[in-house]
């Protein structure tokens, strides 16, 4: 009798992606028809999540897949898309859940035990956590970019930063959905600053694009040459801004991002001037040195502090802040290692 062999187990790898990714630009019905019983696909995505914990290649595949799926939901299409596919939704949620669980695993649970009850004390405590973190005044900014980086190093830096900076205005727009009062107004102020206060030439994504054009970074590079850590940073920002249940995490994430930005951008400005690069290319970073300092102060006062009266909100804000600190630390360690 012939020996029966079990069908090959579905694995999320380059070969799988070569067939799956093109379907993102096809009607949703086609993707759903390709997986009439998506259980095997979801198990393969879960397996990818398990492998991503200690396999750099699997981690990159996981984050690259999520990044490309998020592109379906955050970019206007030029043709059909699988945006409304039930299979795509299930895959996305599995990727998001695994990504969130992996980030939670980087957090020392004892940190939550130290959260103060008083809202004002909570803000001071949260800033103290950030000051004690390895990402604070990271050597990638304070040593390498400031004093050693070449124009090619800056080019690589800008490419990796594009995962968040090139679409920060859309993240704010998504984040404000469902808010009201002072919180909505504070997000609106941040958003209007990102919109160049009504001047199309000073919209911050336009200014960031000037830097991209200065370095001749292509669209293909922007989608195909990001590190896994950069992809994760962009994915986390989208994840916490798109779900209302993660709003407090988004508040903590943004608070830390804005608070750290002025010092970081000062180092980039110093490097740009040291290398005598065209001054119009650094406008984006110059603006954010002052603007983000103001944003951070107002954000802590008008959004974080009122929310911090709730124990649940304090914990979630802390979670989002730690997601930002830990993922940023690994991202900076990675690009410094490769510098």
Protein backbone atom coordinates (compact mmCIF):
# COMPACT_ATOMS: atom_id res chain seq x y z
CA UNK A 1 0.00 0.00 0.00
CA UNK A 2 1.28 3.50 -0.76
CA UNK A 3 2.49 5.49 2.21
CA UNK A 4 0.27 8.46 2.98
CA UNK A 5 2.10 11.64 3.89
CA UNK A 6 0.57 14.45 5.89
CA UNK A 7 0.09 17.73 4.04
CA UNK A 8 2.84 20.25 4.62
CA UNK A 9 2.16 22.60 7.49
CA UNK A 10 1.51 26.20 6.45
CA UNK A 11 4.42 28.43 7.43
CA UNK A 12 4.56 32.21 7.16
CA UNK A 13 7.80 32.81 5.27
CA UNK A 14 9.03 34.60 2.14
CA UNK A 15 7.41 32.04 -0.12
CA UNK A 16 4.05 32.45 1.61
CA UNK A 17 4.28 36.25 1.51
CA UNK A 18 5.01 36.19 -2.22
CA UNK A 19 1.51 34.79 -2.70
CA UNK A 20 -0.29 36.55 0.16
CA UNK A 21 0.87 40.16 -0.17
CA UNK A 22 -0.35 40.68 -3.78
CA UNK A 23 -3.82 39.69 -2.58
CA UNK A 24 -3.87 42.81 -0.40
CA UNK A 25 -4.34 44.78 -3.63
CA UNK A 26 -7.20 42.57 -4.81
CA UNK A 27 -10.90 42.62 -3.79
CA UNK A 28 -11.63 41.38 -0.29
CA UNK A 29 -13.74 38.55 -1.66
CA UNK A 30 -10.69 37.05 -3.39
CA UNK A 31 -8.68 36.89 -0.18
CA UNK A 32 -11.58 35.37 1.72
CA UNK A 33 -12.14 32.80 -1.04
CA UNK A 34 -8.48 31.79 -0.89
CA UNK A 35 -8.89 30.82 2.78
CA UNK A 36 -12.47 29.49 3.16
CA UNK A 37 -11.38 27.88 6.46
CA UNK A 38 -8.83 30.34 7.89
CA UNK A 39 -7.96 28.21 10.94
CA UNK A 40 -4.75 26.87 9.35
CA UNK A 41 -3.69 30.38 8.34
CA UNK A 42 -4.31 31.76 11.83
CA UNK A 43 -2.33 28.93 13.39
CA UNK A 44 0.53 29.77 11.02
CA UNK A 45 0.36 33.42 12.13
CA UNK A 46 0.36 32.31 15.78
CA UNK A 47 3.37 30.10 15.05
CA UNK A 48 5.09 33.12 13.51
CA UNK A 49 4.43 35.03 16.71
CA UNK A 50 6.03 32.30 18.80
CA UNK A 51 9.07 32.14 16.53
CA UNK A 52 9.38 35.94 16.47
CA UNK A 53 10.23 35.97 20.18
CA UNK A 54 13.75 34.63 19.55
CA UNK A 55 14.19 34.41 15.77
CA UNK A 56 15.20 37.75 14.15
CA UNK A 57 14.03 36.63 10.71
CA UNK A 58 10.61 35.63 12.02
CA UNK A 59 10.38 38.89 13.97
CA UNK A 60 11.08 40.86 10.80
CA UNK A 61 8.51 38.84 8.84
CA UNK A 62 5.90 39.40 11.54
CA UNK A 63 6.40 43.15 11.70
CA UNK A 64 6.78 43.56 7.94
CA UNK A 65 3.50 41.73 7.37
CA UNK A 66 1.69 43.88 9.93
CA UNK A 67 3.24 47.06 8.48
CA UNK A 68 2.03 46.18 4.99
CA UNK A 69 -1.44 45.31 6.26
CA UNK A 70 -1.62 48.62 8.09
CA UNK A 71 -0.77 50.28 4.79
CA UNK A 72 -4.04 48.90 3.41
CA UNK A 73 -5.91 50.65 6.23
CA UNK A 74 -3.98 53.95 6.26
CA UNK A 75 -3.35 54.78 2.59
CA UNK A 76 -5.86 55.78 -0.07
CA UNK A 77 -6.02 52.99 -2.65
CA UNK A 78 -5.42 53.36 -6.37
CA UNK A 79 -7.46 50.23 -7.09
CA UNK A 80 -9.15 47.32 -5.30
CA UNK A 81 -7.98 46.38 -1.80
CA UNK A 82 -8.68 43.59 0.69
CA UNK A 83 -9.44 46.14 3.42
CA UNK A 84 -12.85 44.66 4.33
CA UNK A 85 -11.73 41.01 4.20
CA UNK A 86 -12.76 38.97 7.23
CA UNK A 87 -9.64 36.83 6.81
CA UNK A 88 -7.45 39.93 6.78
CA UNK A 89 -9.14 41.20 9.94
CA UNK A 90 -8.48 37.90 11.72
CA UNK A 91 -4.83 37.84 10.62
CA UNK A 92 -4.39 41.46 11.69
CA UNK A 93 -5.81 40.85 15.15
CA UNK A 94 -3.56 37.82 15.68
CA UNK A 95 -0.50 39.86 14.65
CA UNK A 96 -1.56 42.74 16.92
CA UNK A 97 -2.22 40.50 19.91
CA UNK A 98 1.14 38.77 19.56
CA UNK A 99 2.93 42.10 19.14
CA UNK A 100 1.26 43.54 22.24
CA UNK A 101 2.01 40.42 24.29
CA UNK A 102 5.67 40.53 23.25
CA UNK A 103 5.92 44.18 24.31
CA UNK A 104 4.26 43.44 27.65
CA UNK A 105 6.89 40.76 28.23
CA UNK A 106 9.59 43.46 28.14
CA UNK A 107 7.96 45.28 31.08
CA UNK A 108 9.03 44.54 34.64
CA UNK A 109 5.67 44.01 36.44
CA UNK A 110 7.16 45.53 39.59
CA UNK A 111 7.12 48.93 37.86
CA UNK A 112 3.34 48.95 38.00
CA UNK A 113 3.48 48.51 41.77
CA UNK A 114 5.32 51.82 42.09
CA UNK A 115 2.73 53.95 40.31
CA UNK A 116 1.74 56.87 42.60
CA UNK A 117 -1.94 57.61 43.25
CA UNK A 118 -1.62 61.39 43.05
CA UNK A 119 -1.86 62.64 39.41
CA UNK A 120 0.89 65.26 39.82
CA UNK A 121 3.18 62.76 41.50
CA UNK A 122 2.38 60.27 38.75
CA UNK A 123 3.70 62.65 36.09
CA UNK A 124 6.95 63.17 38.00
CA UNK A 125 7.27 59.43 38.54
CA UNK A 126 6.68 58.66 34.84
CA UNK A 127 9.33 61.16 33.78
CA UNK A 128 11.66 59.60 36.34
CA UNK A 129 11.10 56.16 34.82
CA UNK A 130 12.04 57.63 31.44
CA UNK A 131 15.16 59.31 32.86
CA UNK A 132 16.34 56.02 34.31
CA UNK A 133 15.74 54.12 31.08
CA UNK A 134 18.62 53.27 28.72
CA UNK A 135 16.89 55.19 25.94
CA UNK A 136 17.26 58.52 27.78
CA UNK A 137 20.07 60.49 26.11
CA UNK A 138 20.92 57.36 24.15
CA UNK A 139 24.49 57.26 22.75
CA UNK A 140 23.14 56.86 19.22
CA UNK A 141 22.00 60.49 19.42
CA UNK A 142 24.40 62.00 21.94
CA UNK A 143 27.60 60.41 20.69
CA UNK A 144 27.16 58.93 17.24
CA UNK A 145 24.80 61.29 15.42
CA UNK A 146 26.05 64.40 17.17
CA UNK A 147 29.79 63.85 16.70
CA UNK A 148 30.52 60.96 14.34
CA UNK A 149 27.77 60.43 11.77
CA UNK A 150 28.46 60.93 8.07
CA UNK A 151 25.86 62.09 5.52
CA UNK A 152 25.27 58.42 4.65
CA UNK A 153 24.64 57.68 8.33
CA UNK A 154 22.07 60.47 8.44
CA UNK A 155 20.47 59.05 5.32
CA UNK A 156 20.05 55.66 7.01
CA UNK A 157 18.66 57.40 10.09
CA UNK A 158 16.04 59.33 8.10
CA UNK A 159 15.00 56.15 6.28
CA UNK A 160 14.35 54.30 9.54
CA UNK A 161 12.57 57.27 11.13
CA UNK A 162 10.10 57.35 8.24
CA UNK A 163 8.08 54.53 9.82
CA UNK A 164 6.51 57.09 12.19
CA UNK A 165 7.54 60.62 11.19
CA UNK A 166 6.17 60.39 7.66
CA UNK A 167 2.60 59.84 8.93
CA UNK A 168 2.43 61.36 12.40
CA UNK A 169 -0.41 63.70 11.41
CA UNK A 170 -2.60 60.74 10.47
CA UNK A 171 -1.86 59.08 13.80
CA UNK A 172 -3.06 62.18 15.65
CA UNK A 173 -6.18 62.36 13.49
CA UNK A 174 -6.96 58.73 14.32
CA UNK A 175 -6.18 59.17 17.99
CA UNK A 176 -8.68 61.99 18.53
CA UNK A 177 -11.73 59.96 17.44
CA UNK A 178 -14.21 59.74 20.32
CA UNK A 179 -12.48 62.29 22.55
CA UNK A 180 -13.98 65.55 23.72
CA UNK A 181 -13.31 68.62 25.80
CA UNK A 182 -9.77 69.61 26.73
CA UNK A 183 -8.34 66.33 25.48
CA UNK A 184 -9.76 66.76 21.99
CA UNK A 185 -8.60 70.38 21.92
CA UNK A 186 -5.06 69.40 22.92
CA UNK A 187 -4.89 66.78 20.18
CA UNK A 188 -6.33 69.35 17.76
CA UNK A 189 -3.61 71.86 18.67
CA UNK A 190 -0.94 69.23 18.04
CA UNK A 191 -2.59 68.27 14.77
CA UNK A 192 -2.82 71.90 13.61
CA UNK A 193 0.87 72.38 14.33
CA UNK A 194 1.55 69.26 12.25
CA UNK A 195 -0.55 70.91 9.51
CA UNK A 196 1.81 73.88 9.46
CA UNK A 197 -0.90 76.01 11.09
CA UNK A 198 -2.69 76.10 7.74
CA UNK A 199 0.34 76.70 5.50
CA UNK A 200 0.61 73.77 3.05
CA UNK A 201 4.35 74.38 2.55
CA UNK A 202 4.96 73.96 6.29
CA UNK A 203 2.95 70.80 6.86
CA UNK A 204 5.35 68.63 8.84
CA UNK A 205 5.03 65.57 6.62
CA UNK A 206 5.91 67.85 3.69
CA UNK A 207 8.95 69.11 5.59
CA UNK A 208 9.98 65.55 6.42
CA UNK A 209 9.62 64.66 2.75
CA UNK A 210 12.17 67.38 1.96
CA UNK A 211 14.74 65.45 3.97
CA UNK A 212 13.78 62.24 2.18
CA UNK A 213 14.20 63.94 -1.21
CA UNK A 214 17.50 65.52 -0.15
CA UNK A 215 18.94 62.07 0.45
CA UNK A 216 17.35 60.59 -2.68
CA UNK A 217 15.48 57.95 -0.68
CA UNK A 218 13.15 56.07 -3.02
CA UNK A 219 9.63 54.77 -2.40
CA UNK A 220 11.00 51.25 -2.72
CA UNK A 221 13.48 51.92 0.07
CA UNK A 222 10.74 53.38 2.26
CA UNK A 223 8.74 50.14 2.02
CA UNK A 224 11.47 47.55 1.68
CA UNK A 225 14.49 48.63 3.71
CA UNK A 226 13.17 49.29 7.20
CA UNK A 227 14.60 47.27 10.09
CA UNK A 228 12.33 45.05 12.14
CA UNK A 229 12.71 47.46 15.07
CA UNK A 230 11.71 50.44 12.93
CA UNK A 231 8.72 48.51 11.60
CA UNK A 232 7.71 47.67 15.16
CA UNK A 233 7.89 51.34 16.17
CA UNK A 234 5.58 52.32 13.35
CA UNK A 235 3.23 49.42 14.01
CA UNK A 236 2.90 50.16 17.72
CA UNK A 237 1.98 53.76 16.94
CA UNK A 238 -0.77 52.66 14.55
CA UNK A 239 -1.99 49.93 16.92
CA UNK A 240 -2.53 52.20 19.91
CA UNK A 241 -4.09 55.00 17.86
CA UNK A 242 -6.60 52.91 15.92
CA UNK A 243 -8.32 51.19 18.88
CA UNK A 244 -10.36 53.23 21.36
CA UNK A 245 -9.63 50.67 24.06
CA UNK A 246 -5.93 51.54 23.81
CA UNK A 247 -6.40 55.31 24.02
CA UNK A 248 -4.69 55.58 27.41
CA UNK A 249 -1.73 53.62 26.06
CA UNK A 250 -1.57 56.09 23.17
CA UNK A 251 -1.56 58.98 25.64
CA UNK A 252 1.43 57.52 27.49
CA UNK A 253 3.23 56.61 24.29
CA UNK A 254 2.83 60.11 22.84
CA UNK A 255 3.74 61.83 26.11
CA UNK A 256 7.11 60.11 26.20
CA UNK A 257 7.71 60.54 22.46
CA UNK A 258 7.06 64.29 22.64
CA UNK A 259 9.05 64.70 25.85
CA UNK A 260 12.15 63.01 24.42
CA UNK A 261 11.93 64.57 20.94
CA UNK A 262 13.46 68.04 21.55
CA UNK A 263 16.70 66.65 22.96
CA UNK A 264 16.94 64.06 20.19
CA UNK A 265 16.26 66.54 17.42
CA UNK A 266 18.87 68.91 18.88
CA UNK A 267 21.50 66.23 18.28
CA UNK A 268 20.29 65.75 14.70
CA UNK A 269 20.47 69.51 14.13
CA UNK A 270 24.01 69.59 15.50
CA UNK A 271 25.05 66.77 13.15
CA UNK A 272 23.40 68.49 10.17
CA UNK A 273 25.23 71.74 10.85
CA UNK A 274 28.51 69.95 11.56
CA UNK A 275 28.30 68.32 8.12
CA UNK A 276 27.31 71.64 6.49
CA UNK A 277 24.25 70.15 4.81
CA UNK A 278 21.62 72.37 3.11
CA UNK A 279 19.75 74.34 5.81
CA UNK A 280 16.29 73.85 4.29
CA UNK A 281 16.60 70.10 4.86
CA UNK A 282 16.69 70.45 8.63
CA UNK A 283 13.59 72.65 9.01
CA UNK A 284 11.53 69.69 10.23
CA UNK A 285 13.87 68.97 13.14
CA UNK A 286 14.39 72.66 13.98
CA UNK A 287 10.65 73.19 14.34
CA UNK A 288 10.15 70.14 16.51
CA UNK A 289 12.78 71.19 19.05
CA UNK A 290 10.51 73.99 20.24
CA UNK A 291 7.11 72.65 19.24
CA UNK A 292 7.49 69.25 20.87
CA UNK A 293 8.75 70.80 24.12
CA UNK A 294 5.51 72.82 24.24
CA UNK A 295 3.42 69.82 23.19
CA UNK A 296 4.91 67.63 25.91
CA UNK A 297 4.27 70.21 28.65
CA UNK A 298 0.68 70.79 27.54
CA UNK A 299 0.08 67.07 27.01
CA UNK A 300 1.15 66.21 30.55
CA UNK A 301 -0.91 69.08 32.01
CA UNK A 302 -4.10 68.83 29.96
CA UNK A 303 -4.35 65.16 29.04
CA UNK A 304 -2.20 62.95 31.27
CA UNK A 305 -2.93 64.68 34.59
CA UNK A 306 -6.76 64.66 34.28
CA UNK A 307 -6.75 61.03 33.17
CA UNK A 308 -4.39 60.05 35.98
CA UNK A 309 -7.17 60.30 38.58
CA UNK A 310 -8.15 56.80 37.44
CA UNK A 311 -5.98 53.86 38.59
CA UNK A 312 -6.80 51.95 35.40
CA UNK A 313 -5.77 54.93 33.26
CA UNK A 314 -2.51 55.38 35.19
CA UNK A 315 -1.59 51.76 34.55
CA UNK A 316 -2.51 51.95 30.85
CA UNK A 317 -0.64 55.25 30.38
CA UNK A 318 2.39 53.64 32.01
CA UNK A 319 2.04 50.62 29.72
CA UNK A 320 2.01 52.81 26.62
CA UNK A 321 4.97 54.84 27.87
CA UNK A 322 6.97 51.67 28.53
CA UNK A 323 6.08 50.27 25.11
CA UNK A 324 7.57 53.44 23.66
CA UNK A 325 10.67 53.42 25.88
CA UNK A 326 11.47 49.73 25.45
CA UNK A 327 10.84 49.52 21.71
CA UNK A 328 12.75 52.76 21.12
CA UNK A 329 15.67 51.47 23.17
CA UNK A 330 15.92 48.29 21.12
CA UNK A 331 15.57 50.29 17.91
CA UNK A 332 18.40 52.66 18.85
CA UNK A 333 20.61 49.82 20.09
CA UNK A 334 20.10 48.12 16.73
CA UNK A 335 20.96 51.09 14.52
CA UNK A 336 23.93 52.00 16.71
CA UNK A 337 25.24 48.45 16.38
CA UNK A 338 24.96 48.67 12.59
CA UNK A 339 26.48 52.17 12.37
